[in-house]
Every structure is written in structure tokens, then in C-alpha cells.
Protein backbone atom coordinates (compact mmCIF):
# COMPACT_ATOMS: atom_id res chain seq x y z
CA MET A 1 0.00 0.00 0.00
CA SER A 2 1.18 3.52 -0.80
CA ARG A 3 2.07 5.84 2.05
CA VAL A 4 0.44 8.65 0.06
CA ILE A 5 -3.31 9.10 -0.39
CA ASN A 6 -5.30 11.72 -2.28
CA ILE A 7 -7.93 13.85 -0.54
CA GLY A 8 -9.81 16.32 -2.69
CA GLY A 9 -6.96 16.51 -5.17
CA LYS A 10 -4.30 16.95 -2.46
CA ALA A 11 -1.56 14.38 -2.03
CA VAL A 12 -1.28 13.49 1.66
CA GLY A 13 1.50 11.36 3.08
CA ASP A 14 5.26 10.95 3.13
CA ASP A 15 7.16 14.03 1.94
CA LYS A 16 3.92 15.91 1.32
CA ALA A 17 2.53 18.98 3.05
CA VAL A 18 0.82 18.14 6.33
CA TYR A 19 -2.96 18.01 5.88
CA ILE A 20 -4.51 20.02 8.71
CA ILE A 21 -8.10 19.42 9.77
CA ALA A 22 -10.22 21.74 11.89
CA GLU A 23 -12.65 19.52 13.79
CA LEU A 24 -15.84 21.54 14.27
CA SER A 25 -17.57 18.82 16.29
CA ALA A 26 -20.19 20.39 18.55
CA ASN A 27 -18.64 23.85 18.54
CA HIS A 28 -21.41 25.30 16.40
CA ASN A 29 -23.72 25.15 19.45
CA GLN A 30 -26.68 24.35 17.21
CA ASN A 31 -26.29 27.73 15.51
CA PHE A 32 -26.00 27.57 11.73
CA ASP A 33 -24.46 31.03 11.39
CA GLN A 34 -21.84 30.08 13.96
CA ALA A 35 -21.03 26.97 11.94
CA VAL A 36 -20.62 29.06 8.79
CA ALA A 37 -18.42 31.58 10.61
CA SER A 38 -16.29 28.70 11.88
CA ILE A 39 -15.65 27.48 8.35
CA TYR A 40 -14.49 30.92 7.26
CA ALA A 41 -12.32 31.24 10.37
CA ALA A 42 -10.76 27.81 9.83
CA LYS A 43 -9.87 28.73 6.27
CA GLU A 44 -8.35 32.02 7.45
CA ALA A 45 -6.34 30.13 10.09
CA GLY A 46 -4.79 27.89 7.43
CA ALA A 47 -6.76 24.66 7.75
CA ASN A 48 -6.97 22.38 4.73
CA ALA A 49 -10.29 20.93 5.82
CA VAL A 50 -13.20 21.29 8.20
CA LYS A 51 -14.66 18.11 9.65
CA LEU A 52 -18.20 17.58 10.86
CA GLN A 53 -19.79 14.67 12.72
CA THR A 54 -22.82 13.01 11.16
CA TYR A 55 -25.17 11.34 13.62
CA THR A 56 -28.31 11.91 15.60
CA PRO A 57 -28.78 10.91 19.22
CA ASP A 58 -30.96 8.05 17.98
CA THR A 59 -28.32 6.69 15.58
CA LEU A 60 -25.74 6.59 18.38
CA THR A 61 -27.69 5.37 21.40
CA ILE A 62 -31.13 5.20 23.02
CA ASP A 63 -32.87 7.63 25.32
CA SER A 64 -32.31 5.88 28.63
CA SER A 65 -31.34 7.13 32.06
CA LYS A 66 -30.08 3.74 33.22
CA GLU A 67 -26.60 3.70 34.68
CA TYR A 68 -25.28 2.02 31.53
CA PHE A 69 -26.02 5.19 29.60
CA ARG A 70 -24.52 7.73 32.01
CA VAL A 71 -21.08 9.21 31.44
CA ARG A 72 -18.59 8.41 34.20
CA GLY A 73 -14.83 8.41 34.71
CA GLY A 74 -13.89 12.00 35.49
CA THR A 75 -14.75 13.47 32.09
CA LEU A 76 -16.10 16.88 31.19
CA TRP A 77 -19.51 15.26 30.75
CA ASP A 78 -19.87 13.16 33.90
CA ASP A 79 -23.42 12.35 35.09
CA ARG A 80 -25.01 13.26 31.77
CA THR A 81 -26.74 10.59 29.72
CA LEU A 82 -25.34 9.76 26.33
CA TYR A 83 -28.60 10.74 24.69
CA GLU A 84 -28.60 14.18 26.34
CA LEU A 85 -25.00 14.78 25.32
CA TYR A 86 -25.48 13.72 21.71
CA LYS A 87 -28.71 15.70 21.39
CA GLU A 88 -26.80 18.83 22.40
CA ALA A 89 -23.77 18.07 20.26
CA TYR A 90 -25.07 16.75 16.95
CA THR A 91 -24.94 18.72 13.71
CA PRO A 92 -28.35 18.91 12.02
CA TRP A 93 -28.18 16.89 8.84
CA GLU A 94 -29.96 19.53 6.80
CA TRP A 95 -26.99 21.83 7.49
CA HIS A 96 -24.43 19.50 5.93
CA PRO A 97 -25.00 20.25 2.22
CA LYS A 98 -25.25 23.97 2.92
CA LEU A 99 -22.01 23.95 4.90
CA LYS A 100 -20.27 22.01 2.13
CA GLU A 101 -21.38 24.66 -0.36
CA VAL A 102 -19.83 27.32 1.87
CA ALA A 103 -16.60 25.33 2.15
CA ASP A 104 -16.44 24.67 -1.58
CA SER A 105 -16.95 28.36 -2.31
CA ILE A 106 -13.83 29.35 -0.34
CA GLY A 107 -11.64 26.41 -1.30
CA ILE A 108 -11.52 24.36 1.88
CA ASP A 109 -12.36 20.65 2.03
CA LEU A 110 -15.33 19.56 4.09
CA PHE A 111 -16.05 16.00 5.15
CA SER A 112 -17.42 14.21 8.18
CA THR A 113 -17.27 11.29 10.53
CA ALA A 114 -20.18 8.96 9.80
CA PHE A 115 -21.44 7.04 12.80
CA ASP A 116 -23.78 4.62 11.03
CA THR A 117 -24.47 3.32 7.55
CA THR A 118 -27.25 5.81 6.83
CA ALA A 119 -24.77 8.61 7.51
CA VAL A 120 -22.35 7.09 4.99
CA ASP A 121 -25.07 7.08 2.33
CA PHE A 122 -26.01 10.67 3.19
CA LEU A 123 -22.39 11.86 2.94
CA GLU A 124 -21.92 10.03 -0.35
CA LYS A 125 -24.80 11.99 -1.85
CA MET A 126 -23.03 15.17 -0.73
CA GLY A 127 -19.85 14.12 -2.52
CA VAL A 128 -17.44 14.29 0.40
CA PRO A 129 -13.78 13.70 -0.58
CA THR A 130 -13.03 11.19 2.18
CA HIS A 131 -14.63 9.29 5.06
CA LYS A 132 -13.51 9.39 8.68
CA VAL A 133 -13.82 6.57 11.22
CA ALA A 134 -13.95 7.75 14.84
CA SER A 135 -11.86 6.00 17.47
CA PHE A 136 -14.95 4.67 19.21
CA GLU A 137 -16.14 3.10 15.93
CA VAL A 138 -12.84 1.43 15.01
CA VAL A 139 -14.33 -1.87 16.23
CA ASP A 140 -17.45 -1.44 14.05
CA ILE A 141 -16.22 -3.54 11.15
CA PRO A 142 -19.48 -3.44 9.15
CA LEU A 143 -19.41 0.37 9.25
CA ILE A 144 -15.77 0.43 8.12
CA GLU A 145 -16.59 -1.98 5.29
CA LYS A 146 -19.49 0.25 4.23
CA MET A 147 -17.14 3.23 4.00
CA ALA A 148 -14.51 1.17 2.19
CA ARG A 149 -16.96 0.12 -0.50
CA THR A 150 -17.45 3.76 -1.50
CA GLY A 151 -13.95 3.78 -2.95
CA LYS A 152 -13.15 6.99 -1.06
CA PRO A 153 -10.02 7.36 1.09
CA LEU A 154 -10.50 6.34 4.72
CA ILE A 155 -9.04 8.15 7.72
CA ILE A 156 -9.22 5.92 10.78
CA SER A 157 -8.62 7.19 14.31
CA THR A 158 -7.08 4.63 16.65
CA GLY A 159 -7.80 5.88 20.18
CA MET A 160 -8.10 2.99 22.68
CA ALA A 161 -7.49 0.42 19.91
CA THR A 162 -5.08 -2.46 20.39
CA LEU A 163 -2.67 -3.29 17.59
CA GLY A 164 -4.84 -6.29 16.78
CA GLU A 165 -7.98 -4.16 16.53
CA ILE A 166 -6.23 -1.71 14.22
CA GLU A 167 -5.03 -4.62 12.08
CA GLU A 168 -8.57 -6.01 11.86
CA ALA A 169 -9.96 -2.61 10.85
CA VAL A 170 -7.31 -2.05 8.18
CA GLN A 171 -7.55 -5.56 6.75
CA SER A 172 -11.35 -5.39 6.68
CA ALA A 173 -11.24 -2.07 4.87
CA ARG A 174 -8.79 -3.45 2.32
CA ARG A 175 -10.86 -6.57 1.70
CA ALA A 176 -13.89 -4.34 1.14
CA GLY A 177 -12.05 -2.40 -1.53
CA ALA A 178 -10.25 0.46 0.22
CA THR A 179 -6.98 1.28 -1.51
CA GLN A 180 -6.27 4.55 0.31
CA ILE A 181 -6.14 4.39 4.11
CA ALA A 182 -4.61 6.73 6.67
CA LEU A 183 -4.41 6.14 10.42
CA LEU A 184 -4.50 8.76 13.15
CA LYS A 185 -2.77 8.21 16.48
CA CYS A 186 -5.28 9.33 19.07
CA THR A 187 -5.72 9.35 22.82
CA SER A 188 -9.43 9.30 23.60
CA ALA A 189 -9.33 11.46 26.71
CA TYR A 190 -10.89 14.92 26.79
CA PRO A 191 -8.59 16.67 27.36
CA ALA A 192 -5.62 14.33 27.02
CA SER A 193 -2.38 14.94 28.90
CA PRO A 194 1.03 15.02 27.19
CA GLU A 195 2.10 11.98 29.22
CA GLU A 196 -0.68 9.94 27.61
CA MET A 197 0.17 10.74 23.99
CA ASN A 198 2.90 8.17 23.19
CA LEU A 199 3.81 9.91 19.94
CA ARG A 200 6.49 7.33 19.14
CA THR A 201 3.57 5.16 18.04
CA ILE A 202 3.27 7.31 14.89
CA PRO A 203 6.30 5.95 13.00
CA HIS A 204 5.52 2.45 14.28
CA LEU A 205 2.01 2.58 12.79
CA ALA A 206 3.37 3.86 9.49
CA GLU A 207 5.94 1.07 9.29
CA THR A 208 3.55 -1.64 10.47
CA PHE A 209 0.68 -0.88 8.11
CA GLY A 210 2.43 0.92 5.26
CA VAL A 211 0.01 3.86 5.33
CA PRO A 212 0.20 7.58 6.05
CA VAL A 213 -0.19 8.31 9.75
CA GLY A 214 -1.23 11.47 11.53
CA LEU A 215 -2.52 12.68 14.87
CA SER A 216 -5.98 13.39 16.17
CA ASP A 217 -5.13 15.55 19.15
CA HIS A 218 -7.15 16.36 22.26
CA THR A 219 -4.40 17.93 24.35
CA LEU A 220 -4.48 21.57 25.35
CA GLY A 221 -2.37 23.94 23.28
CA ILE A 222 -0.35 23.37 20.14
CA THR A 223 2.90 21.74 21.31
CA ILE A 224 1.88 18.11 20.81
CA PRO A 225 0.76 18.33 17.16
CA ILE A 226 3.92 20.23 16.27
CA ALA A 227 6.01 17.51 17.92
CA ALA A 228 4.02 14.86 16.06
CA VAL A 229 5.06 16.33 12.72
CA THR A 230 8.73 15.81 13.62
CA LEU A 231 7.92 12.10 14.04
CA GLY A 232 6.31 11.83 10.62
CA ALA A 233 2.68 12.83 11.21
CA CYS A 234 1.26 13.90 7.85
CA ILE A 235 -2.26 14.71 9.07
CA ILE A 236 -3.14 16.84 12.08
CA GLU A 237 -6.71 17.01 13.36
CA LYS A 238 -7.50 19.49 16.11
CA HIS A 239 -10.79 20.70 17.58
CA PHE A 240 -11.64 24.26 16.53
CA THR A 241 -13.88 26.89 18.13
CA LEU A 242 -14.51 30.55 17.52
CA SER A 243 -14.06 31.12 21.25
CA ARG A 244 -13.73 28.97 24.34
CA ASP A 245 -15.91 31.54 26.07
CA ILE A 246 -18.82 30.13 24.05
CA PRO A 247 -20.00 27.16 26.14
CA GLY A 248 -20.19 23.79 24.47
CA PRO A 249 -19.33 20.12 25.02
CA ASP A 250 -15.94 20.36 23.30
CA SER A 251 -14.97 24.00 23.66
CA ALA A 252 -12.66 23.49 26.67
CA PHE A 253 -10.11 21.49 24.65
CA SER A 254 -10.53 23.29 21.31
CA LEU A 255 -8.26 25.87 19.72
CA GLU A 256 -9.40 29.38 19.00
CA PRO A 257 -8.63 30.80 15.52
CA GLN A 258 -5.44 32.66 16.46
CA GLU A 259 -4.12 29.55 18.25
CA PHE A 260 -4.99 27.32 15.33
CA LYS A 261 -3.21 29.74 12.99
CA ALA A 262 -0.12 29.67 15.22
CA MET A 263 -0.18 25.86 15.09
CA VAL A 264 -0.46 25.86 11.30
CA GLU A 265 2.42 28.30 10.96
CA ALA A 266 4.59 26.24 13.30
CA VAL A 267 3.77 23.04 11.41
CA ARG A 268 4.72 24.69 8.11
CA THR A 269 8.04 25.80 9.62
CA VAL A 270 8.73 22.29 10.93
CA GLU A 271 7.97 20.87 7.49
CA LYS A 272 10.65 23.08 5.96
CA SER A 273 13.16 22.06 8.62
CA LEU A 274 12.74 18.29 8.19
CA GLY A 275 14.31 18.24 4.75
CA LYS A 276 16.21 15.06 3.90
CA VAL A 277 19.13 13.04 5.22
CA HIS A 278 22.06 15.30 4.41
CA TYR A 279 25.70 15.65 5.44
CA GLY A 280 28.29 18.21 4.42
CA VAL A 281 27.94 21.80 3.33
CA ASN A 282 24.71 23.29 2.14
CA GLN A 283 24.51 26.44 0.09
CA ARG A 284 24.12 28.86 2.97
CA GLU A 285 26.90 27.20 4.97
CA ALA A 286 29.50 27.52 2.22
CA SER A 287 30.64 30.98 3.30
CA SER A 288 31.24 29.65 6.83
CA LEU A 289 33.81 27.06 5.77
CA VAL A 290 36.56 29.66 5.99
CA PHE A 291 36.00 29.92 9.74
CA ARG A 292 37.02 26.33 10.45
CA ARG A 293 40.35 25.75 12.17
CA SER A 294 43.60 25.14 10.29
CA LEU A 295 47.35 25.19 10.91
CA PHE A 296 49.05 28.61 11.09
CA VAL A 297 52.55 29.72 11.95
CA THR A 298 51.83 31.64 15.13
CA ARG A 299 55.40 32.73 15.85
CA ALA A 300 57.92 33.63 13.13
CA VAL A 301 60.31 30.82 12.18
CA ARG A 302 63.60 30.88 10.30
CA ALA A 303 64.60 28.52 7.52
CA GLY A 304 65.75 25.23 9.06
CA GLU A 305 64.00 25.91 12.36
CA VAL A 306 61.97 23.05 13.90
CA PHE A 307 58.19 23.29 13.99
CA THR A 308 56.94 23.05 17.58
CA GLU A 309 53.72 23.58 19.47
CA GLU A 310 55.01 27.07 20.25
CA ASN A 311 55.27 28.21 16.63
CA VAL A 312 52.50 26.16 14.92
CA ARG A 313 48.93 26.01 16.17
CA SER A 314 45.46 24.99 15.08
CA ILE A 315 43.45 28.21 14.95
CA ARG A 316 40.73 29.86 12.94
CA PRO A 317 40.45 30.60 9.96
CA ALA A 318 40.79 27.71 7.50
CA TYR A 319 43.47 28.84 5.03
CA GLY A 320 46.15 26.45 6.25
CA LEU A 321 46.51 22.67 6.39
CA PRO A 322 43.81 20.72 8.24
CA PRO A 323 44.57 20.31 11.98
CA LYS A 324 44.83 16.51 11.63
CA TYR A 325 48.30 16.96 10.09
CA LEU A 326 49.80 18.67 13.14
CA PRO A 327 51.40 15.49 14.55
CA GLN A 328 53.14 14.87 11.20
CA ILE A 329 54.51 18.40 11.07
CA LEU A 330 55.84 18.79 14.61
CA GLY A 331 59.57 18.03 14.67
CA ARG A 332 60.10 18.76 10.98
CA ARG A 333 61.91 21.87 9.74
CA ALA A 334 60.93 24.97 7.83
CA ARG A 335 62.13 25.22 4.24
CA ARG A 336 62.21 29.02 4.42
CA ASP A 337 61.58 31.95 6.67
CA ILE A 338 57.88 32.20 7.57
CA GLU A 339 56.22 35.21 9.11
CA GLU A 340 53.87 35.02 12.07
CA GLY A 341 50.22 34.71 10.95
CA THR A 342 51.03 32.74 7.77
CA PRO A 343 48.84 29.74 6.93
CA LEU A 344 50.99 26.61 6.75
CA ASN A 345 51.18 24.49 3.61
CA TRP A 346 53.27 21.50 2.55
CA GLY A 347 55.61 23.63 0.45
CA MET A 348 56.92 25.30 3.62
CA ILE A 349 57.89 22.01 5.26
CA SER A 350 61.13 20.10 4.61
CA GLU A 351 61.02 16.38 3.80
């Protein structure tokens, strides 16, 4: 499998520009105009794509207050029922085509995470450029196969997944016809701490599965995604909000536009710095070569006089013999008079 995929005409993968996704999630707060403004702001901040989530509370769970359906574990949403949370957070389906029109009009990709097969069909009618599998759905093999059969690229988040579960998801997608798959390292904690990120998994995933690998990040701030790029992440997904002062289920761990822009700029700088495996002088270093050390006569010597550590030294600049020859020169004699401050060469040294 190629470690480059194509999303909306953009090559994504090894040695390509990092593909940066602004995850809108629930940060529209059920306000269509706020969702539209978020798309414009994401474009202005440098995102390549905006991602939605396509579900309803009824496609994800049932309306039950039993303990099974209550959020626990020290999260931002503890004590709420799943149905209540998803009812607050979902993006109305009738918005999707309108939001895609907005995105298309300003040249930013828009796609979504489908959470059931009806959502896949709905997104296919919209003509999304790729499909996203959420970490919590990585074990839903029928859903992954449904996405794979569309022939679109798949982006699969891997939060909580064992290596075996990731392998099953990837193999199932390939058997169902997927030829372009990317994986996202993810820690499904909200927010996640730096100590939980285990970014060294990124190159391991790429090597193990032969696919592009990125990061779906829920940490606070921008440090972790920037670090991920140095380890080969070629996709960065980060939650995006117009303002954390606007209350919402995901706003606390989302980036505001100026922060997202700073992240994008830092990622682009890191991309430039990665370069290739290279040794020796590059173009801008060439003028610095003269400031290396070399052998100079540092005290005047007469013809026939012995070279010693008192009259020959390794100093800057680099007009004389390389310093490695000093042991061969010490104890030999000068062929002629040599002034102090003269770079030493073989013609000045007797046999």
C-alpha cells in the first residue's frame, strides 16, 4: 500500500505537506451562522479541511437514564446521559450540504465522521472527498466496510485500539475495496495529557501498516501536534472553536482561531526544517567554511628551524593545512623563513 493518499486533489503522506483538519464537532452550538463563521475562520487560520460529525442521538444510542447510559470516569460530561449529550452536540443533517457549499466556495475541504451506515449514504450523496472513522467506531467492522466500499479514502482514528484491533480494521477495509487508508494516532481522553500521547507510536504505525499516519489531538495547546510532525505525522486534526468563552461540550479542549493559525504556521516551519538526510555543506553554509580551524605559523620561524607547538597552532580561519596533520609536522623543519600569521602548507615544510 502507498504511504500517500489523495484527498480532494491533495496528495497526503510521506514528503507531502501536512494536511490540517479543523474539527468543528459540537462547537457550532446548534447555531447555523456560527457553523458558517467557523468554516471561514478555519480557512483564514490555514486549515486544509473542516470536519463535521454526522449522527443523531438516535443513531448513536437510546434515550435511557439507566446507569449504563450515564457518562462516568472523570470526564467533562460526567453524570449526563449519552442521549442528552449527543442531542446537544449533533450537527443537524440539513446543514451538511449547505455547509459544504460554503466550504467549496472558499476552497476548503469539508467531510465528516459517519457514525452509522445511513450517515455514509447521506455523505456520499453530498460528494465528500473522504470518510472518517472515529476511534470509538474502530471496532465497528461493518461500518468500516461500508465506508470502504465507497472507494473513497479512509481516515481511521485509533484511540483505545489495540494493535490487533487496528489490524482487523485495516484488513477489513482493504478486503472491502479500500486502496487509500490513513491512520491517526489518538488518545481518547478529553482533554488528554502530554504523558498519555505516546507519539512514538506514529512511525511504528506507518511502518507496520504501510500507510500515512497522523494525529488526532485532544491535548491543550499546540505543542503536541507540532512535535508529532517531527515524528512523521502527515495529518493533524484538532478541535476548533470561535471562542472557548462560548460554552459547548468540546470547547474546553478546542483551539481558537489565532491559536490554530499559530499551530499551522509552526507546522509549516517544521515541514521546511525536516528536509532530507544530508551531510556536508549546504549552500548557505558555504561561506562559513573559511572559519574552520587550520594550521598557522603563530610565531615567526627561520629557515631550518623546527616546527613546535610554540610556533604552529590549530586556529581559525581555515586557510592552512587541516589540523589533523599537526602530529606529522611537529619536529620537521621549515624550508624558508615564515612570518607570524602565515597559513601553513606542505611547500613550507622540509622532507
